[in-house]
């Protein structure tokens, strides 16, 4: 019996180590969970733009998503939905010139902060 082929990329590995669901990662990068699933399986092409967005959300370099042998960051207990991570993602996206996506993540940040305020 032949061993299973290696995955086409390391998105799932980094996502799981970060403790993120497909839905949480999808929200951060502006795609649907099914699109994340297709990227993880190699059923959808991984462009430079998507690699940058995913790397920003996962806290790694874009190349880390493709390179075997580069250790994924250990789970830190900080989830992507935390206000600090969302704030950092907005800054990174703005620096990369992705203003429309930064605005979407900023709206998500505002929603999270409102939820936290209502529950306290």
Protein backbone atom coordinates (compact mmCIF):
# COMPACT_ATOMS: atom_id res chain seq x y z
CA UNK A 1 0.00 0.00 0.00
CA UNK A 2 1.35 3.43 -0.94
CA UNK A 3 1.49 6.14 1.71
CA UNK A 4 -0.89 9.06 1.35
CA UNK A 5 0.56 11.95 -0.66
CA UNK A 6 1.57 15.01 1.35
CA UNK A 7 -0.95 17.86 1.50
CA UNK A 8 -0.61 20.47 -1.27
CA UNK A 9 0.09 23.19 1.30
CA UNK A 10 0.27 23.75 5.04
CA UNK A 11 -2.81 25.94 5.54
CA UNK A 12 -4.68 23.31 7.56
CA UNK A 13 -1.63 22.61 9.75
CA UNK A 14 -1.17 26.30 10.61
CA UNK A 15 -4.92 26.82 11.08
CA UNK A 16 -5.24 23.90 13.47
CA UNK A 17 -2.13 24.89 15.43
CA UNK A 18 -3.64 28.37 15.83
CA UNK A 19 -6.85 26.80 17.14
CA UNK A 20 -8.97 28.27 14.36
CA UNK A 21 -12.03 26.88 12.67
CA UNK A 22 -12.39 27.14 8.91
CA UNK A 23 -15.16 29.68 9.51
CA UNK A 24 -12.93 31.89 11.68
CA UNK A 25 -10.10 31.82 9.16
CA UNK A 26 -12.51 32.44 6.29
CA UNK A 27 -13.92 35.51 8.04
CA UNK A 28 -10.45 36.93 8.56
CA UNK A 29 -9.36 36.54 4.95
CA UNK A 30 -12.66 37.42 3.27
CA UNK A 31 -13.74 34.11 1.81
CA UNK A 32 -16.20 31.34 2.60
CA UNK A 33 -15.33 28.30 4.74
CA UNK A 34 -15.84 26.09 1.68
CA UNK A 35 -13.21 28.13 -0.19
CA UNK A 36 -10.77 27.63 2.70
CA UNK A 37 -11.54 23.90 2.55
CA UNK A 38 -10.78 23.82 -1.19
CA UNK A 39 -7.52 25.71 -0.66
CA UNK A 40 -6.47 23.30 2.08
CA UNK A 41 -7.16 20.33 -0.20
CA UNK A 42 -5.44 21.89 -3.20
CA UNK A 43 -8.71 22.01 -5.15
CA UNK A 44 -8.38 25.78 -5.61
CA UNK A 45 -5.31 27.68 -6.74
CA UNK A 46 -3.38 29.49 -4.02
CA UNK A 47 -2.50 32.93 -5.41
CA UNK A 48 0.01 35.39 -3.97
CA UNK A 49 -2.83 37.59 -2.70
CA UNK A 50 -4.50 34.71 -0.85
CA UNK A 51 -1.16 33.54 0.54
CA UNK A 52 -0.52 37.00 2.00
CA UNK A 53 -4.00 37.22 3.52
CA UNK A 54 -3.79 33.72 4.98
CA UNK A 55 -0.29 34.28 6.33
CA UNK A 56 -1.40 37.51 8.02
CA UNK A 57 -4.30 35.73 9.70
CA UNK A 58 -2.18 32.71 10.68
CA UNK A 59 0.81 34.69 11.92
CA UNK A 60 3.36 33.26 9.51
CA UNK A 61 5.16 34.18 6.31
CA UNK A 62 3.41 33.42 3.00
CA UNK A 63 6.19 31.00 2.00
CA UNK A 64 5.66 29.03 5.23
CA UNK A 65 2.32 27.91 3.84
CA UNK A 66 4.13 26.00 1.11
CA UNK A 67 7.50 24.98 2.54
CA UNK A 68 7.75 21.57 4.15
CA UNK A 69 9.82 21.32 7.29
CA UNK A 70 9.23 24.86 8.53
CA UNK A 71 7.69 24.41 11.97
CA UNK A 72 4.23 25.87 12.38
CA UNK A 73 3.77 28.16 15.38
CA UNK A 74 2.53 26.41 18.49
CA UNK A 75 -1.02 27.06 19.63
CA UNK A 76 -0.97 30.09 21.87
CA UNK A 77 -4.54 30.05 23.10
CA UNK A 78 -5.20 33.37 21.36
CA UNK A 79 -7.95 32.95 18.83
CA UNK A 80 -8.35 34.98 15.70
CA UNK A 81 -11.62 36.46 16.96
CA UNK A 82 -9.83 38.27 19.79
CA UNK A 83 -9.92 42.05 19.43
CA UNK A 84 -6.13 42.31 19.57
CA UNK A 85 -5.63 39.84 16.69
CA UNK A 86 -8.28 41.61 14.63
CA UNK A 87 -6.65 44.98 15.35
CA UNK A 88 -3.25 43.64 14.30
CA UNK A 89 -4.73 42.13 11.14
CA UNK A 90 -6.24 45.50 10.17
CA UNK A 91 -2.84 47.17 10.54
CA UNK A 92 -1.07 44.49 8.52
CA UNK A 93 -3.62 44.69 5.73
CA UNK A 94 -3.39 48.49 5.61
CA UNK A 95 0.40 48.29 5.39
CA UNK A 96 0.00 45.84 2.50
CA UNK A 97 -2.32 48.30 0.72
CA UNK A 98 -5.39 46.07 1.02
CA UNK A 99 -7.73 48.78 2.25
CA UNK A 100 -11.03 47.14 1.27
CA UNK A 101 -10.14 43.97 3.13
CA UNK A 102 -8.81 45.99 6.10
CA UNK A 103 -12.18 47.78 6.28
CA UNK A 104 -14.02 44.45 6.40
CA UNK A 105 -11.81 43.17 9.23
CA UNK A 106 -12.24 46.51 11.04
CA UNK A 107 -16.02 46.05 10.88
CA UNK A 108 -15.58 42.57 12.36
CA UNK A 109 -13.45 44.10 15.12
CA UNK A 110 -16.15 46.66 15.88
CA UNK A 111 -18.79 43.90 16.03
CA UNK A 112 -16.66 41.84 18.44
CA UNK A 113 -16.09 44.86 20.70
CA UNK A 114 -19.84 45.60 20.74
CA UNK A 115 -20.56 41.97 21.67
CA UNK A 116 -18.03 42.15 24.49
CA UNK A 117 -19.50 45.42 25.77
CA UNK A 118 -23.04 44.02 25.74
CA UNK A 119 -22.04 40.87 27.61
CA UNK A 120 -20.16 42.71 30.37
